[in-house]
Every structure is written in C-alpha cells, then in structure tokens.
Amino acid sequence: MTVTSSPVLQLEQVTRTYRQGEVDVHALRGLDLSVGSGEFTAMVGPSGSGKTTALNLAGALDVPTSGRVLLEGTDLASLAAHQRSRIRRDRIGFIFQAYNLIPVMSAFENAASVLALQGVSEAEQRDRVMPLLAELGIEQLAHRRPDQLSGGQQQRVAIARAIAAKPAIVLADEPTANVDSTTAERLLDVMERLNQHHGVTFLFSTHDDRVVAHARRVVTLMDGRVHHDDVRA
C-alpha cells in the first residue's frame, strides 16, 4: 500500500518532564513526529530515549508538558479527560506485549469488547469480528478463553480487538516481546497484511530487530528527540 501524505498523528515540539523526588526527568525534549495514513512505522531507540512516553502521548494516555499532540487534527491536550477516553475507545487501537485480554471472556468477546462498549449490536459485532478472526487464523478458537490459548493466539485476539473498531491508528508496544521467533514472524506477517490490504496504520515501539525488518519506516529516538528517520522504498 502506498503511504499517503495525510497525517493521522502529529507530535509538534513535544516535551514531557516528570518529577522524581527532587529531580526533573526530561523524557521528551522537543519531539517532532508525523505519521501518515497507511504507514507501518517502527519507533526504536535505547531505554530512556522516550519511546514509551511518545507512545503514551500518542495514545491519549498522557498529555505533554509543552507542544501539541494531534490525532486527525484534534489537539488531544485540549480535550477533557472523558473526551480523551472516547478518543482512545473510538480512534486508537492498542496492542500490548502482555495482551491485556479479559480472562473470563472468550476470544470472540475480547475481540468484540471495544465494539460492545460503543453500543454496536451483537449481530454487527459478529459480522465484523468473525471475518477478522478468520483472517488471523483463529476463527475456530472464538469460543476459548485466554487461558486456553497460546501466547501467539492471545496476541492475535488482541490484534483483532485493536482493529475491529476501525481506528485511525494502531499503537503497538513491544507486541512480539512475549512470543517465540516463529510466532513473532507470523504475527508480523499478519499485521503487515492488515496494513497492506486494509490500510491499517501501525506505529510500533520496539527493541525487536524482527519488527524493524518488517517496517517501511524506522524512526530512531535519542534523548527525547528524533535522531534518525529512515523511510524505506
């Protein structure tokens, strides 16, 4: 899929400073980053470079000390807490390294949980989620609870949950950290296919070279700023 110039996410001169005891910790120091619709981008850098902070800001889980974080043109810091919560529910998909599935729910119910919160009918939930589970190769496991699934299968459920509501962007925090190499490659192939065939925009925060190998853009952070931005053909 060709990346368009339309920005989904923009971080403009973003700083984020935390107070730890008597010390100010400058996690971000004027970060500028724009992610276009349809991108498959990996954000990398050493521990302390600002990756997690940037992802939290992009996901409306935190607000900047200064600068602006825009999602589809909306300044997230200008919104009330309940409005940011709605943005997270409706316009942002999340994939975590720990899966974060609800133990008492089936794979289908977990994948459909965002749609249920949006008030989507059960019939439409099934129409939207079951084809996703089929594309992810776990349709036959829809009735199983998380403790009846392997790590890779749980992460596939998490991927389905992240994209079922058709978000503007999916933020993936170390999504391959808790699976073996073969499973990691399969998960990355799945996400790449969703990106190329369905236009799902992905932004990864990762230390995993396998994710970097699949990415079409690699943004390296250092000391809270963009150190290098490599766009691949």
Protein backbone atom coordinates (compact mmCIF):
# COMPACT_ATOMS: atom_id res chain seq x y z
CA MET A 1 0.00 0.00 0.00
CA THR A 2 1.25 3.47 -0.83
CA VAL A 3 1.60 5.76 2.18
CA THR A 4 -0.41 8.91 1.77
CA SER A 5 0.67 12.37 2.90
CA SER A 6 -2.41 12.76 5.08
CA PRO A 7 -1.19 12.94 8.70
CA VAL A 8 -3.05 10.80 11.21
CA LEU A 9 -0.76 11.63 14.12
CA GLN A 10 1.42 14.70 14.69
CA LEU A 11 3.68 15.46 17.63
CA GLU A 12 4.85 19.06 17.38
CA GLN A 13 7.74 20.27 19.55
CA VAL A 14 6.55 17.98 22.33
CA THR A 15 8.24 17.98 25.70
CA ARG A 16 7.38 15.80 28.67
CA THR A 17 9.00 16.35 32.04
CA TYR A 18 8.41 14.16 35.08
CA ARG A 19 9.25 14.95 38.66
CA GLN A 20 11.10 12.19 40.52
CA GLY A 21 11.77 13.34 44.06
CA GLU A 22 13.86 16.48 43.72
CA VAL A 23 14.88 15.76 40.13
CA ASP A 24 13.22 16.72 36.84
CA VAL A 25 13.38 13.95 34.25
CA HIS A 26 13.11 15.23 30.67
CA ALA A 27 11.64 12.26 28.81
CA LEU A 28 10.96 14.23 25.62
CA ARG A 29 12.84 17.36 24.54
CA GLY A 30 11.05 18.95 21.58
CA LEU A 31 9.97 15.83 19.70
CA ASP A 32 8.63 16.34 16.17
CA LEU A 33 7.00 13.32 14.55
CA SER A 34 4.27 12.91 11.94
CA VAL A 35 2.69 9.58 10.97
CA GLY A 36 0.72 9.41 7.73
CA SER A 37 -2.28 7.28 6.92
CA GLY A 38 -1.27 3.76 5.90
CA GLU A 39 2.21 3.82 7.43
CA PHE A 40 3.88 0.78 9.01
CA THR A 41 6.39 2.54 11.25
CA ALA A 42 8.74 1.29 13.96
CA MET A 43 9.95 3.67 16.66
CA VAL A 44 13.25 2.46 18.12
CA GLY A 45 15.96 3.67 20.47
CA PRO A 46 17.72 2.74 23.69
CA SER A 47 15.98 2.61 27.06
CA GLY A 48 15.32 6.17 28.18
CA SER A 49 15.13 7.53 24.64
CA GLY A 50 11.46 8.47 25.01
CA LYS A 51 9.69 5.72 23.03
CA THR A 52 7.22 4.74 25.73
CA THR A 53 6.48 8.35 26.63
CA ALA A 54 5.84 9.20 22.97
CA LEU A 55 3.52 6.21 22.59
CA ASN A 56 1.60 7.16 25.75
CA LEU A 57 1.11 10.68 24.43
CA ALA A 58 0.05 9.39 21.00
CA GLY A 59 -2.46 7.11 22.71
CA ALA A 60 -4.04 9.94 24.76
CA LEU A 61 -2.86 8.19 27.92
CA ASP A 62 -0.84 11.26 28.94
CA VAL A 63 -0.57 14.93 27.98
CA PRO A 64 2.60 16.83 27.06
CA THR A 65 4.33 19.37 29.27
CA SER A 66 4.50 21.58 26.18
CA GLY A 67 3.90 21.24 22.47
CA ARG A 68 0.95 19.61 20.74
CA VAL A 69 -0.19 16.05 20.04
CA LEU A 70 -2.72 16.00 17.20
CA LEU A 71 -4.79 12.97 16.23
CA GLU A 72 -6.64 13.53 12.97
CA GLY A 73 -6.12 17.25 13.57
CA THR A 74 -7.52 17.27 17.12
CA ASP A 75 -5.24 18.59 19.88
CA LEU A 76 -5.52 15.84 22.50
CA ALA A 77 -4.36 18.04 25.37
CA SER A 78 -7.24 20.45 24.70
CA LEU A 79 -9.80 17.75 25.48
CA ALA A 80 -11.36 16.90 28.81
CA ALA A 81 -10.48 13.51 30.33
CA HIS A 82 -13.77 11.92 29.25
CA GLN A 83 -13.22 13.18 25.70
CA ARG A 84 -9.73 11.65 25.58
CA SER A 85 -11.23 8.41 26.86
CA ARG A 86 -13.70 8.42 23.98
CA ILE A 87 -10.88 9.11 21.50
CA ARG A 88 -8.95 6.12 22.91
CA ARG A 89 -12.02 3.92 22.54
CA ASP A 90 -13.09 5.01 19.08
CA ARG A 91 -10.00 6.16 17.18
CA ILE A 92 -6.97 4.37 18.66
CA GLY A 93 -6.20 0.65 18.72
CA PHE A 94 -3.75 -0.71 21.27
CA ILE A 95 -1.62 -3.86 21.17
CA PHE A 96 0.38 -4.59 24.33
CA GLN A 97 3.17 -7.07 24.99
CA ALA A 98 1.10 -8.52 27.88
CA TYR A 99 -2.00 -9.00 25.63
CA ASN A 100 -4.34 -7.49 28.30
CA LEU A 101 -7.22 -9.84 27.50
CA ILE A 102 -10.10 -10.24 29.95
CA PRO A 103 -9.76 -13.74 31.47
CA VAL A 104 -13.46 -14.55 31.81
CA MET A 105 -14.29 -13.58 28.21
CA SER A 106 -13.97 -15.77 25.14
CA ALA A 107 -11.67 -14.86 22.28
CA PHE A 108 -14.66 -13.52 20.36
CA GLU A 109 -15.90 -11.46 23.32
CA ASN A 110 -12.43 -10.00 23.88
CA ALA A 111 -12.07 -9.10 20.22
CA ALA A 112 -15.54 -7.53 20.20
CA SER A 113 -15.16 -5.74 23.54
CA VAL A 114 -14.49 -2.27 22.07
CA LEU A 115 -17.48 -2.62 19.75
CA ALA A 116 -19.63 -3.64 22.72
CA LEU A 117 -18.54 -0.51 24.58
CA GLN A 118 -19.51 1.53 21.52
CA GLY A 119 -23.02 0.05 21.64
CA VAL A 120 -22.67 -1.93 18.40
CA SER A 121 -25.34 -4.62 18.10
CA GLU A 122 -24.41 -8.26 18.73
CA ALA A 123 -25.21 -9.12 15.12
CA GLU A 124 -22.87 -6.43 13.79
CA GLN A 125 -20.19 -7.42 16.30
CA ARG A 126 -20.29 -10.93 14.85
CA ASP A 127 -20.29 -9.66 11.26
CA ARG A 128 -17.20 -7.55 11.91
CA VAL A 129 -15.21 -9.74 14.30
CA MET A 130 -15.62 -13.24 12.89
CA PRO A 131 -14.07 -12.36 9.48
CA LEU A 132 -11.16 -10.77 11.36
CA LEU A 133 -10.63 -13.89 13.45
CA ALA A 134 -10.76 -15.94 10.25
CA GLU A 135 -8.16 -13.73 8.58
CA LEU A 136 -5.98 -14.08 11.68
CA GLY A 137 -6.34 -17.86 11.55
CA ILE A 138 -8.16 -18.28 14.88
CA GLU A 139 -11.84 -18.39 13.87
CA GLN A 140 -12.13 -21.92 15.25
CA LEU A 141 -10.89 -20.69 18.65
CA ALA A 142 -13.51 -17.96 19.04
CA HIS A 143 -15.18 -19.74 21.99
CA ARG A 144 -11.99 -20.28 24.01
CA ARG A 145 -10.92 -18.18 26.98
CA PRO A 146 -7.41 -16.67 27.10
CA ASP A 147 -6.08 -19.42 29.40
CA GLN A 148 -6.98 -21.93 26.69
CA LEU A 149 -4.90 -20.12 24.06
CA SER A 150 -1.18 -19.95 23.34
CA GLY A 151 0.67 -16.65 23.61
CA GLY A 152 0.60 -16.19 19.85
CA GLN A 153 -3.12 -16.93 19.70
CA GLN A 154 -3.79 -14.45 22.50
CA GLN A 155 -1.85 -11.77 20.65
CA ARG A 156 -3.92 -12.46 17.53
CA VAL A 157 -7.06 -11.87 19.59
CA ALA A 158 -5.51 -8.62 20.81
CA ILE A 159 -4.79 -7.60 17.21
CA ALA A 160 -8.41 -8.31 16.26
CA ARG A 161 -9.61 -6.22 19.22
CA ALA A 162 -7.30 -3.37 18.20
CA ILE A 163 -8.61 -3.10 14.64
CA ALA A 164 -12.26 -4.22 14.96
CA ALA A 165 -13.46 -0.67 15.58
CA LYS A 166 -11.55 0.60 12.51
CA PRO A 167 -9.32 3.04 14.43
CA ALA A 168 -7.30 5.83 12.85
CA ILE A 169 -4.08 4.27 14.15
CA VAL A 170 -2.90 1.16 15.98
CA LEU A 171 -0.20 1.68 18.61
CA ALA A 172 1.78 -1.48 19.30
CA ASP A 173 4.06 -1.55 22.35
CA GLU A 174 6.60 -4.40 22.03
CA PRO A 175 3.94 -6.70 20.52
CA THR A 176 6.42 -9.54 19.88
CA ALA A 177 8.17 -9.45 23.26
CA ASN A 178 6.43 -12.46 24.81
CA VAL A 179 6.35 -14.89 21.89
CA ASP A 180 8.95 -17.11 20.23
CA SER A 181 10.68 -16.17 16.98
CA THR A 182 8.43 -18.23 14.71
CA THR A 183 5.28 -16.83 16.28
CA ALA A 184 6.71 -13.30 16.14
CA GLU A 185 7.30 -13.60 12.39
CA ARG A 186 3.77 -14.91 11.86
CA LEU A 187 2.27 -12.06 13.89
CA LEU A 188 4.30 -9.51 11.93
CA ASP A 189 3.20 -11.09 8.65
CA VAL A 190 -0.42 -10.79 9.82
CA MET A 191 -0.05 -7.13 10.81
CA GLU A 192 1.77 -6.34 7.59
CA ARG A 193 -1.04 -7.95 5.61
CA LEU A 194 -3.66 -5.94 7.52
CA ASN A 195 -1.65 -2.81 6.74
CA GLN A 196 -1.24 -3.56 3.04
CA HIS A 197 -4.70 -5.00 2.31
CA HIS A 198 -6.87 -2.94 4.67
CA GLY A 199 -4.87 0.25 5.13
CA VAL A 200 -4.46 -0.13 8.89
CA THR A 201 -1.90 2.42 10.16
CA PHE A 202 0.62 0.95 12.63
CA LEU A 203 3.11 2.67 14.93
CA PHE A 204 5.35 0.28 16.87
CA SER A 205 7.55 0.96 19.88
CA THR A 206 10.10 -1.82 19.92
CA HIS A 207 13.55 -3.18 20.63
CA ASP A 208 12.90 -6.16 18.33
CA ASP A 209 15.01 -6.34 15.16
CA ARG A 210 12.31 -8.51 13.59
CA VAL A 211 9.81 -5.65 13.81
CA VAL A 212 12.39 -3.27 12.37
CA ALA A 213 13.00 -5.64 9.45
CA HIS A 214 9.28 -5.54 8.52
CA ALA A 215 8.83 -1.79 8.99
CA ARG A 216 8.73 0.54 5.99
CA ARG A 217 9.81 3.48 8.14
CA VAL A 218 12.13 3.40 11.15
CA VAL A 219 12.27 6.39 13.49
CA THR A 220 15.15 6.34 15.96
CA LEU A 221 14.77 8.35 19.14
CA MET A 222 17.70 9.53 21.22
CA ASP A 223 17.48 11.71 24.34
CA GLY A 224 13.84 12.55 23.72
CA ARG A 225 14.22 13.69 20.10
CA VAL A 226 14.22 12.15 16.63
CA HIS A 227 17.81 11.16 15.92
CA HIS A 228 17.20 9.47 12.54
CA ASP A 229 14.20 8.92 10.29
CA ASP A 230 14.64 6.21 7.67
CA VAL A 231 11.86 5.80 5.10
CA ARG A 232 12.30 2.66 3.04
CA ALA A 233 11.11 2.02 -0.50
